Amino acid sequence: MSSIEEYMLPCLNKSVFGIDCTGCGAQRSLALLLEGSFEAAFYMYPAIYSIILLLVFVVFNLFFKFRHDHTIKIGLIIFNGFIIAGAYLYKMFYIFN
């Protein structure tokens, strides 16, 4: 266990209700990514790479405006939503059963 895990926020949903939320694993995934464990980061939270892509695009779009940027952002948000929902459903129905 790395020292960064000592400073991670606990999941309130898991503490109160006893089940994971859709964001469970994101902090550890980011920590794994920063340590260079790219595959482990994906398995911890599959949406990590698509969220990073969205954030990079949003920051890029702050400085460079172009046609259809709004449509691309909406598409990336919907894409992230599908990945997060799919990973959550997979975790809830296949891993915990």
PDB file of N, CA and C in Angstrom:
ATOM      1  N   MET A   1       0.839  -1.170   0.000  1.00  0.00           N
ATOM      2  CA  MET A   1       0.000   0.000   0.000  1.00  0.00           C
ATOM      3  C   MET A   1       0.888   1.238   0.000  1.00  0.00           C
ATOM      4  N   SER A   2       0.638   2.150  -0.919  1.00  0.00           N
ATOM      5  CA  SER A   2       1.465   3.346  -1.004  1.00  0.00           C
ATOM      6  C   SER A   2       1.032   4.369   0.038  1.00  0.00           C
ATOM      7  N   SER A   3       1.913   5.313   0.304  1.00  0.00           N
ATOM      8  CA  SER A   3       1.618   6.315   1.319  1.00  0.00           C
ATOM      9  C   SER A   3       0.503   7.267   0.892  1.00  0.00           C
ATOM     10  N   ILE A   4       0.259   7.388  -0.405  1.00  0.00           N
ATOM     11  CA  ILE A   4      -0.801   8.280  -0.875  1.00  0.00           C
ATOM     12  C   ILE A   4      -2.186   7.762  -0.478  1.00  0.00           C
ATOM     13  N   GLU A   5      -2.321   6.467  -0.304  1.00  0.00           N
ATOM     14  CA  GLU A   5      -3.617   5.896   0.066  1.00  0.00           C
ATOM     15  C   GLU A   5      -4.053   6.296   1.466  1.00  0.00           C
ATOM     16  N   GLU A   6      -3.124   6.718   2.293  1.00  0.00           N
ATOM     17  CA  GLU A   6      -3.470   7.183   3.635  1.00  0.00           C
ATOM     18  C   GLU A   6      -4.270   8.476   3.591  1.00  0.00           C
ATOM     19  N   TYR A   7      -4.136   9.253   2.518  1.00  0.00           N
ATOM     20  CA  TYR A   7      -4.787  10.554   2.398  1.00  0.00           C
ATOM     21  C   TYR A   7      -6.035  10.535   1.525  1.00  0.00           C
ATOM     22  N   MET A   8      -6.442   9.376   1.047  1.00  0.00           N
ATOM     23  CA  MET A   8      -7.612   9.293   0.174  1.00  0.00           C
ATOM     24  C   MET A   8      -8.900   9.443   0.977  1.00  0.00           C
ATOM     25  N   LEU A   9      -9.877  10.060   0.335  1.00  0.00           N
ATOM     26  CA  LEU A   9     -11.175  10.244   0.972  1.00  0.00           C
ATOM     27  C   LEU A   9     -11.956   8.938   0.967  1.00  0.00           C
ATOM     28  N   PRO A  10     -12.642   8.612   2.050  1.00  0.00           N
ATOM     29  CA  PRO A  10     -13.474   7.406   2.045  1.00  0.00           C
ATOM     30  C   PRO A  10     -14.767   7.650   1.267  1.00  0.00           C
ATOM     31  N   CYS A  11     -15.320   6.595   0.740  1.00  0.00           N
ATOM     32  CA  CYS A  11     -16.581   6.696  -0.001  1.00  0.00           C
ATOM     33  C   CYS A  11     -17.731   6.789   1.004  1.00  0.00           C
ATOM     34  N   LEU A  12     -18.440   7.911   0.991  1.00  0.00           N
ATOM     35  CA  LEU A  12     -19.552   8.117   1.907  1.00  0.00           C
ATOM     36  C   LEU A  12     -20.683   7.130   1.629  1.00  0.00           C
ATOM     37  N   ASN A  13     -20.946   6.874   0.349  1.00  0.00           N
ATOM     38  CA  ASN A  13     -22.002   5.937  -0.028  1.00  0.00           C
ATOM     39  C   ASN A  13     -21.703   4.532   0.507  1.00  0.00           C
ATOM     40  N   LYS A  14     -20.457   4.115   0.394  1.00  0.00           N
ATOM     41  CA  LYS A  14     -20.069   2.786   0.877  1.00  0.00           C
ATOM     42  C   LYS A  14     -20.097   2.735   2.406  1.00  0.00           C
ATOM     43  N   SER A  15     -19.733   3.832   3.046  1.00  0.00           N
ATOM     44  CA  SER A  15     -19.749   3.883   4.506  1.00  0.00           C
ATOM     45  C   SER A  15     -21.168   3.837   5.057  1.00  0.00           C
ATOM     46  N   VAL A  16     -22.093   4.541   4.419  1.00  0.00           N
ATOM     47  CA  VAL A  16     -23.461   4.630   4.920  1.00  0.00           C
ATOM     48  C   VAL A  16     -24.310   3.447   4.476  1.00  0.00           C
ATOM     49  N   PHE A  17     -24.272   3.122   3.187  1.00  0.00           N
ATOM     50  CA  PHE A  17     -25.165   2.099   2.649  1.00  0.00           C
ATOM     51  C   PHE A  17     -24.520   0.733   2.453  1.00  0.00           C
ATOM     52  N   GLY A  18     -23.200   0.686   2.463  1.00  0.00           N
ATOM     53  CA  GLY A  18     -22.511  -0.591   2.320  1.00  0.00           C
ATOM     54  C   GLY A  18     -22.317  -1.067   0.888  1.00  0.00           C
ATOM     55  N   ILE A  19     -22.637  -0.227  -0.097  1.00  0.00           N
ATOM     56  CA  ILE A  19     -22.418  -0.608  -1.495  1.00  0.00           C
ATOM     57  C   ILE A  19     -21.572   0.458  -2.179  1.00  0.00           C
ATOM     58  N   ASP A  20     -20.856   0.051  -3.210  1.00  0.00           N
ATOM     59  CA  ASP A  20     -20.004   0.978  -3.948  1.00  0.00           C
ATOM     60  C   ASP A  20     -20.841   2.000  -4.708  1.00  0.00           C
ATOM     61  N   CYS A  21     -20.263   3.167  -4.924  1.00  0.00           N
ATOM     62  CA  CYS A  21     -20.895   4.173  -5.777  1.00  0.00           C
ATOM     63  C   CYS A  21     -20.263   4.078  -7.166  1.00  0.00           C
ATOM     64  N   THR A  22     -20.721   4.896  -8.089  1.00  0.00           N
ATOM     65  CA  THR A  22     -20.181   4.843  -9.451  1.00  0.00           C
ATOM     66  C   THR A  22     -18.774   5.407  -9.541  1.00  0.00           C
ATOM     67  N   GLY A  23     -18.332   6.105  -8.513  1.00  0.00           N
ATOM     68  CA  GLY A  23     -16.988   6.669  -8.520  1.00  0.00           C
ATOM     69  C   GLY A  23     -15.986   5.892  -7.693  1.00  0.00           C
ATOM     70  N   CYS A  24     -16.438   4.828  -7.050  1.00  0.00           N
ATOM     71  CA  CYS A  24     -15.525   4.033  -6.219  1.00  0.00           C
ATOM     72  C   CYS A  24     -14.390   3.464  -7.071  1.00  0.00           C
ATOM     73  N   GLY A  25     -13.192   3.702  -6.628  1.00  0.00           N
ATOM     74  CA  GLY A  25     -12.017   3.224  -7.335  1.00  0.00           C
ATOM     75  C   GLY A  25     -11.309   4.292  -8.131  1.00  0.00           C
ATOM     76  N   ALA A  26     -11.929   5.462  -8.307  1.00  0.00           N
ATOM     77  CA  ALA A  26     -11.328   6.513  -9.130  1.00  0.00           C
ATOM     78  C   ALA A  26     -10.062   7.080  -8.493  1.00  0.00           C
ATOM     79  N   GLN A  27     -10.081   7.293  -7.181  1.00  0.00           N
ATOM     80  CA  GLN A  27      -8.890   7.826  -6.509  1.00  0.00           C
ATOM     81  C   GLN A  27      -7.725   6.851  -6.593  1.00  0.00           C
ATOM     82  N   ARG A  28      -8.004   5.593  -6.304  1.00  0.00           N
ATOM     83  CA  ARG A  28      -6.940   4.586  -6.367  1.00  0.00           C
ATOM     84  C   ARG A  28      -6.451   4.400  -7.798  1.00  0.00           C
ATOM     85  N   SER A  29      -7.359   4.498  -8.742  1.00  0.00           N
ATOM     86  CA  SER A  29      -6.981   4.380 -10.149  1.00  0.00           C
ATOM     87  C   SER A  29      -6.049   5.511 -10.555  1.00  0.00           C
ATOM     88  N   LEU A  30      -6.344   6.714 -10.111  1.00  0.00           N
ATOM     89  CA  LEU A  30      -5.475   7.852 -10.414  1.00  0.00           C
ATOM     90  C   LEU A  30      -4.114   7.682  -9.749  1.00  0.00           C
ATOM     91  N   ALA A  31      -4.100   7.167  -8.516  1.00  0.00           N
ATOM     92  CA  ALA A  31      -2.834   6.913  -7.826  1.00  0.00           C
ATOM     93  C   ALA A  31      -2.019   5.861  -8.577  1.00  0.00           C
ATOM     94  N   LEU A  32      -2.680   4.802  -9.042  1.00  0.00           N
ATOM     95  CA  LEU A  32      -1.996   3.760  -9.814  1.00  0.00           C
ATOM     96  C   LEU A  32      -1.461   4.324 -11.127  1.00  0.00           C
ATOM     97  N   LEU A  33      -2.232   5.189 -11.738  1.00  0.00           N
ATOM     98  CA  LEU A  33      -1.806   5.820 -12.988  1.00  0.00           C
ATOM     99  C   LEU A  33      -0.563   6.672 -12.773  1.00  0.00           C
ATOM    100  N   LEU A  34      -0.539   7.423 -11.685  1.00  0.00           N
ATOM    101  CA  LEU A  34       0.622   8.258 -11.381  1.00  0.00           C
ATOM    102  C   LEU A  34       1.851   7.431 -11.026  1.00  0.00           C
ATOM    103  N   GLU A  35       1.626   6.215 -10.514  1.00  0.00           N
ATOM    104  CA  GLU A  35       2.741   5.312 -10.209  1.00  0.00           C
ATOM    105  C   GLU A  35       3.237   4.579 -11.448  1.00  0.00           C
ATOM    106  N   GLY A  36       2.485   4.649 -12.549  1.00  0.00           N
ATOM    107  CA  GLY A  36       2.891   3.999 -13.781  1.00  0.00           C
ATOM    108  C   GLY A  36       2.257   2.645 -14.014  1.00  0.00           C
ATOM    109  N   SER A  37       1.305   2.253 -13.176  1.00  0.00           N
ATOM    110  CA  SER A  37       0.605   0.970 -13.333  1.00  0.00           C
ATOM    111  C   SER A  37      -0.641   1.208 -14.196  1.00  0.00           C
ATOM    112  N   PHE A  38      -0.443   1.301 -15.498  1.00  0.00           N
ATOM    113  CA  PHE A  38      -1.520   1.683 -16.407  1.00  0.00           C
ATOM    114  C   PHE A  38      -2.618   0.625 -16.510  1.00  0.00           C
ATOM    115  N   GLU A  39      -2.232  -0.621 -16.573  1.00  0.00           N
ATOM    116  CA  GLU A  39      -3.226  -1.690 -16.673  1.00  0.00           C
ATOM    117  C   GLU A  39      -4.013  -1.824 -15.376  1.00  0.00           C
ATOM    118  N   ALA A  40      -3.325  -1.759 -14.250  1.00  0.00           N
ATOM    119  CA  ALA A  40      -3.998  -1.851 -12.950  1.00  0.00           C
ATOM    120  C   ALA A  40      -4.948  -0.671 -12.752  1.00  0.00           C
ATOM    121  N   ALA A  41      -4.563   0.500 -13.247  1.00  0.00           N
ATOM    122  CA  ALA A  41      -5.435   1.679 -13.150  1.00  0.00           C
ATOM    123  C   ALA A  41      -6.723   1.454 -13.927  1.00  0.00           C
ATOM    124  N   PHE A  42      -6.613   0.845 -15.099  1.00  0.00           N
ATOM    125  CA  PHE A  42      -7.811   0.553 -15.897  1.00  0.00           C
ATOM    126  C   PHE A  42      -8.709  -0.449 -15.192  1.00  0.00           C
ATOM    127  N   TYR A  43      -8.134  -1.500 -14.633  1.00  0.00           N
ATOM    128  CA  TYR A  43      -8.943  -2.501 -13.942  1.00  0.00           C
ATOM    129  C   TYR A  43      -9.576  -1.954 -12.665  1.00  0.00           C
ATOM    130  N   MET A  44      -8.927  -1.004 -12.024  1.00  0.00           N
ATOM    131  CA  MET A  44      -9.484  -0.405 -10.815  1.00  0.00           C
ATOM    132  C   MET A  44     -10.693   0.472 -11.149  1.00  0.00           C
ATOM    133  N   TYR A  45     -10.571   1.264 -12.224  1.00  0.00           N
ATOM    134  CA  TYR A  45     -11.653   2.164 -12.630  1.00  0.00           C
ATOM    135  C   TYR A  45     -11.563   2.350 -14.143  1.00  0.00           C
ATOM    136  N   PRO A  46     -12.345   1.601 -14.910  1.00  0.00           N
ATOM    137  CA  PRO A  46     -12.220   1.606 -16.370  1.00  0.00           C
ATOM    138  C   PRO A  46     -12.421   2.959 -17.050  1.00  0.00           C
ATOM    139  N   ALA A  47     -13.107   3.878 -16.426  1.00  0.00           N
ATOM    140  CA  ALA A  47     -13.368   5.171 -17.065  1.00  0.00           C
ATOM    141  C   ALA A  47     -12.228   6.164 -16.887  1.00  0.00           C
ATOM    142  N   ILE A  48     -11.138   5.775 -16.261  1.00  0.00           N
ATOM    143  CA  ILE A  48     -10.059   6.716 -15.973  1.00  0.00           C
ATOM    144  C   ILE A  48      -9.493   7.346 -17.244  1.00  0.00           C
ATOM    145  N   TYR A  49      -9.299   6.568 -18.272  1.00  0.00           N
ATOM    146  CA  TYR A  49      -8.700   7.106 -19.503  1.00  0.00           C
ATOM    147  C   TYR A  49      -9.664   7.986 -20.285  1.00  0.00           C
ATOM    148  N   SER A  50     -10.937   7.618 -20.315  1.00  0.00           N
ATOM    149  CA  SER A  50     -11.907   8.456 -21.024  1.00  0.00           C
ATOM    150  C   SER A  50     -12.165   9.760 -20.270  1.00  0.00           C
ATOM    151  N   ILE A  51     -12.091   9.741 -18.949  1.00  0.00           N
ATOM    152  CA  ILE A  51     -12.236  10.970 -18.168  1.00  0.00           C
ATOM    153  C   ILE A  51     -11.036  11.881 -18.402  1.00  0.00           C
ATOM    154  N   ILE A  52      -9.851  11.309 -18.448  1.00  0.00           N
ATOM    155  CA  ILE A  52      -8.655  12.106 -18.736  1.00  0.00           C
ATOM    156  C   ILE A  52      -8.754  12.712 -20.128  1.00  0.00           C
ATOM    157  N   LEU A  53      -9.226  11.937 -21.110  1.00  0.00           N
ATOM    158  CA  LEU A  53      -9.423  12.464 -22.460  1.00  0.00           C
ATOM    159  C   LEU A  53     -10.398  13.638 -22.449  1.00  0.00           C
ATOM    160  N   LEU A  54     -11.499  13.516 -21.718  1.00  0.00           N
ATOM    161  CA  LEU A  54     -12.470  14.598 -21.608  1.00  0.00           C
ATOM    162  C   LEU A  54     -11.847  15.831 -20.958  1.00  0.00           C
ATOM    163  N   LEU A  55     -11.105  15.643 -19.872  1.00  0.00           N
ATOM    164  CA  LEU A  55     -10.479  16.776 -19.189  1.00  0.00           C
ATOM    165  C   LEU A  55      -9.440  17.467 -20.069  1.00  0.00           C
ATOM    166  N   VAL A  56      -8.658  16.687 -20.797  1.00  0.00           N
ATOM    167  CA  VAL A  56      -7.669  17.268 -21.707  1.00  0.00           C
ATOM    168  C   VAL A  56      -8.376  18.073 -22.799  1.00  0.00           C
ATOM    169  N   PHE A  57      -9.456  17.538 -23.324  1.00  0.00           N
ATOM    170  CA  PHE A  57     -10.196  18.248 -24.364  1.00  0.00           C
ATOM    171  C   PHE A  57     -10.789  19.548 -23.827  1.00  0.00           C
ATOM    172  N   VAL A  58     -11.360  19.507 -22.621  1.00  0.00           N
ATOM    173  CA  VAL A  58     -11.965  20.704 -22.038  1.00  0.00           C
ATOM    174  C   VAL A  58     -10.906  21.778 -21.795  1.00  0.00           C
ATOM    175  N   VAL A  59      -9.756  21.404 -21.252  1.00  0.00           N
ATOM    176  CA  VAL A  59      -8.684  22.371 -21.019  1.00  0.00           C
ATOM    177  C   VAL A  59      -8.173  22.927 -22.354  1.00  0.00           C
ATOM    178  N   PHE A  60      -7.978  22.065 -23.338  1.00  0.00           N
ATOM    179  CA  PHE A  60      -7.557  22.504 -24.671  1.00  0.00           C
ATOM    180  C   PHE A  60      -8.561  23.480 -25.259  1.00  0.00           C
ATOM    181  N   ASN A  61      -9.847  23.177 -25.056  1.00  0.00           N
ATOM    182  CA  ASN A  61     -10.910  24.001 -25.619  1.00  0.00           C
ATOM    183  C   ASN A  61     -11.037  25.351 -24.915  1.00  0.00           C
ATOM    184  N   LEU A  62     -10.498  25.479 -23.721  1.00  0.00           N
ATOM    185  CA  LEU A  62     -10.485  26.785 -23.056  1.00  0.00           C
ATOM    186  C   LEU A  62      -9.611  27.789 -23.810  1.00  0.00           C
ATOM    187  N   PHE A  63      -8.551  27.286 -24.423  1.00  0.00           N
ATOM    188  CA  PHE A  63      -7.603  28.149 -25.122  1.00  0.00           C
ATOM    189  C   PHE A  63      -7.829  28.208 -26.623  1.00  0.00           C
ATOM    190  N   PHE A  64      -8.366  27.144 -27.204  1.00  0.00           N
ATOM    191  CA  PHE A  64      -8.579  27.068 -28.643  1.00  0.00           C
ATOM    192  C   PHE A  64     -10.033  26.723 -28.923  1.00  0.00           C
ATOM    193  N   LYS A  65     -10.749  27.676 -29.461  1.00  0.00           N
ATOM    194  CA  LYS A  65     -12.158  27.460 -29.816  1.00  0.00           C
ATOM    195  C   LYS A  65     -12.247  27.053 -31.280  1.00  0.00           C
ATOM    196  N   PHE A  66     -13.129  26.121 -31.569  1.00  0.00           N
ATOM    197  CA  PHE A  66     -13.346  25.711 -32.953  1.00  0.00           C
ATOM    198  C   PHE A  66     -14.777  25.237 -33.128  1.00  0.00           C
ATOM    199  N   ARG A  67     -15.148  25.040 -34.359  1.00  0.00           N
ATOM    200  CA  ARG A  67     -16.509  24.646 -34.702  1.00  0.00           C
ATOM    201  C   ARG A  67     -16.816  23.242 -34.167  1.00  0.00           C
ATOM    202  N   HIS A  68     -17.993  23.055 -33.653  1.00  0.00           N
ATOM    203  CA  HIS A  68     -18.513  21.780 -33.152  1.00  0.00           C
ATOM    204  C   HIS A  68     -17.827  21.318 -31.860  1.00  0.00           C
ATOM    205  N   ASP A  69     -17.162  22.219 -31.151  1.00  0.00           N
ATOM    206  CA  ASP A  69     -16.521  21.811 -29.903  1.00  0.00           C
ATOM    207  C   ASP A  69     -17.556  21.396 -28.856  1.00  0.00           C
ATOM    208  N   HIS A  70     -18.696  22.060 -28.865  1.00  0.00           N
ATOM    209  CA  HIS A  70     -19.764  21.704 -27.925  1.00  0.00           C
ATOM    210  C   HIS A  70     -20.273  20.282 -28.184  1.00  0.00           C
ATOM    211  N   THR A  71     -20.426  19.930 -29.432  1.00  0.00           N
ATOM    212  CA  THR A  71     -20.893  18.590 -29.793  1.00  0.00           C
ATOM    213  C   THR A  71     -19.883  17.527 -29.370  1.00  0.00           C
ATOM    214  N   ILE A  72     -18.615  17.816 -29.523  1.00  0.00           N
ATOM    215  CA  ILE A  72     -17.575  16.863 -29.113  1.00  0.00           C
ATOM    216  C   ILE A  72     -17.594  16.682 -27.602  1.00  0.00           C
ATOM    217  N   LYS A  73     -17.736  17.785 -26.863  1.00  0.00           N
ATOM    218  CA  LYS A  73     -17.804  17.691 -25.399  1.00  0.00           C
ATOM    219  C   LYS A  73     -18.999  16.855 -24.950  1.00  0.00           C
ATOM    220  N   ILE A  74     -20.152  17.108 -25.539  1.00  0.00           N
ATOM    221  CA  ILE A  74     -21.353  16.340 -25.185  1.00  0.00           C
ATOM    222  C   ILE A  74     -21.156  14.866 -25.515  1.00  0.00           C
ATOM    223  N   GLY A  75     -20.567  14.588 -26.661  1.00  0.00           N
ATOM    224  CA  GLY A  75     -20.292  13.200 -27.038  1.00  0.00           C
ATOM    225  C   GLY A  75     -19.350  12.511 -26.070  1.00  0.00           C
ATOM    226  N   LEU A  76     -18.300  13.211 -25.644  1.00  0.00           N
ATOM    227  CA  LEU A  76     -17.361  12.637 -24.671  1.00  0.00           C
ATOM    228  C   LEU A  76     -18.021  12.422 -23.310  1.00  0.00           C
ATOM    229  N   ILE A  77     -18.903  13.332 -22.914  1.00  0.00           N
ATOM    230  CA  ILE A  77     -19.618  13.170 -21.644  1.00  0.00           C
ATOM    231  C   ILE A  77     -20.537  11.961 -21.704  1.00  0.00           C
ATOM    232  N   ILE A  78     -21.250  11.797 -22.800  1.00  0.00           N
ATOM    233  CA  ILE A  78     -22.137  10.631 -22.957  1.00  0.00           C
ATOM    234  C   ILE A  78     -21.316   9.344 -22.999  1.00  0.00           C
ATOM    235  N   PHE A  79     -20.201   9.370 -23.710  1.00  0.00           N
ATOM    236  CA  PHE A  79     -19.301   8.212 -23.777  1.00  0.00           C
ATOM    237  C   PHE A  79     -18.813   7.837 -22.378  1.00  0.00           C
ATOM    238  N   ASN A  80     -18.409   8.832 -21.580  1.00  0.00           N
ATOM    239  CA  ASN A  80     -17.987   8.575 -20.204  1.00  0.00           C
ATOM    240  C   ASN A  80     -19.115   8.005 -19.372  1.00  0.00           C
ATOM    241  N   GLY A  81     -20.322   8.533 -19.564  1.00  0.00           N
ATOM    242  CA  GLY A  81     -21.475   8.022 -18.831  1.00  0.00           C
ATOM    243  C   GLY A  81     -21.721   6.548 -19.107  1.00  0.00           C
ATOM    244  N   PHE A  82     -21.599   6.151 -20.365  1.00  0.00           N
ATOM    245  CA  PHE A  82     -21.783   4.739 -20.716  1.00  0.00           C
ATOM    246  C   PHE A  82     -20.694   3.860 -20.104  1.00  0.00           C
ATOM    247  N   ILE A  83     -19.467   4.327 -20.139  1.00  0.00           N
ATOM    248  CA  ILE A  83     -18.381   3.539 -19.562  1.00  0.00           C
ATOM    249  C   ILE A  83     -18.548   3.408 -18.050  1.00  0.00           C
ATOM    250  N   ILE A  84     -18.871   4.506 -17.384  1.00  0.00           N
ATOM    251  CA  ILE A  84     -19.050   4.472 -15.928  1.00  0.00           C
ATOM    252  C   ILE A  84     -20.219   3.573 -15.555  1.00  0.00           C
ATOM    253  N   ALA A  85     -21.350   3.724 -16.242  1.00  0.00           N
ATOM    254  CA  ALA A  85     -22.524   2.902 -15.950  1.00  0.00           C
ATOM    255  C   ALA A  85     -22.259   1.428 -16.251  1.00  0.00           C
ATOM    256  N   GLY A  86     -21.609   1.161 -17.375  1.00  0.00           N
ATOM    257  CA  GLY A  86     -21.314  -0.232 -17.727  1.00  0.00           C
ATOM    258  C   GLY A  86     -20.369  -0.884 -16.749  1.00  0.00           C
ATOM    259  N   ALA A  87     -19.330  -0.174 -16.342  1.00  0.00           N
ATOM    260  CA  ALA A  87     -18.376  -0.723 -15.376  1.00  0.00           C
ATOM    261  C   ALA A  87     -19.036  -0.945 -14.020  1.00  0.00           C
ATOM    262  N   TYR A  88     -19.906  -0.019 -13.637  1.00  0.00           N
ATOM    263  CA  TYR A  88     -20.606  -0.155 -12.354  1.00  0.00           C
ATOM    264  C   TYR A  88     -21.543  -1.369 -12.372  1.00  0.00           C
ATOM    265  N   LEU A  89     -22.307  -1.504 -13.447  1.00  0.00           N
ATOM    266  CA  LEU A  89     -23.218  -2.656 -13.543  1.00  0.00           C
ATOM    267  C   LEU A  89     -22.440  -3.966 -13.584  1.00  0.00           C
ATOM    268  N   TYR A  90     -21.329  -3.977 -14.300  1.00  0.00           N
ATOM    269  CA  TYR A  90     -20.492  -5.178 -14.340  1.00  0.00           C
ATOM    270  C   TYR A  90     -19.994  -5.520 -12.945  1.00  0.00           C
ATOM    271  N   LYS A  91     -19.529  -4.518 -12.226  1.00  0.00           N
ATOM    272  CA  LYS A  91     -19.000  -4.748 -10.881  1.00  0.00           C
ATOM    273  C   LYS A  91     -20.097  -5.240  -9.939  1.00  0.00           C
ATOM    274  N   MET A  92     -21.279  -4.665 -10.031  1.00  0.00           N
ATOM    275  CA  MET A  92     -22.365  -5.026  -9.122  1.00  0.00           C
ATOM    276  C   MET A  92     -22.943  -6.411  -9.415  1.00  0.00           C
ATOM    277  N   PHE A  93     -23.071  -6.763 -10.689  1.00  0.00           N
ATOM    278  CA  PHE A  93     -23.765  -8.002 -11.029  1.00  0.00           C
ATOM    279  C   PHE A  93     -22.849  -9.194 -11.290  1.00  0.00           C
ATOM    280  N   TYR A  94     -21.619  -8.967 -11.709  1.00  0.00           N
ATOM    281  CA  TYR A  94     -20.756 -10.093 -12.046  1.00  0.00           C
ATOM    282  C   TYR A  94     -19.650 -10.342 -11.027  1.00  0.00           C
ATOM    283  N   ILE A  95     -19.089  -9.313 -10.487  1.00  0.00           N
ATOM    284  CA  ILE A  95     -17.987  -9.496  -9.551  1.00  0.00           C
ATOM    285  C   ILE A  95     -18.496  -9.866  -8.173  1.00  0.00           C
ATOM    286  N   PHE A  96     -19.579  -9.221  -7.727  1.00  0.00           N
ATOM    287  CA  PHE A  96     -20.062  -9.461  -6.376  1.00  0.00           C
ATOM    288  C   PHE A  96     -21.060 -10.611  -6.276  1.00  0.00           C
ATOM    289  N   ASN A  97     -21.307 -11.304  -7.358  1.00  0.00           N
ATOM    290  CA  ASN A  97     -22.231 -12.457  -7.301  1.00  0.00           C
ATOM    291  C   ASN A  97     -21.487 -13.749  -7.465  1.00  0.00           C
TER     292      ASN A  97
END
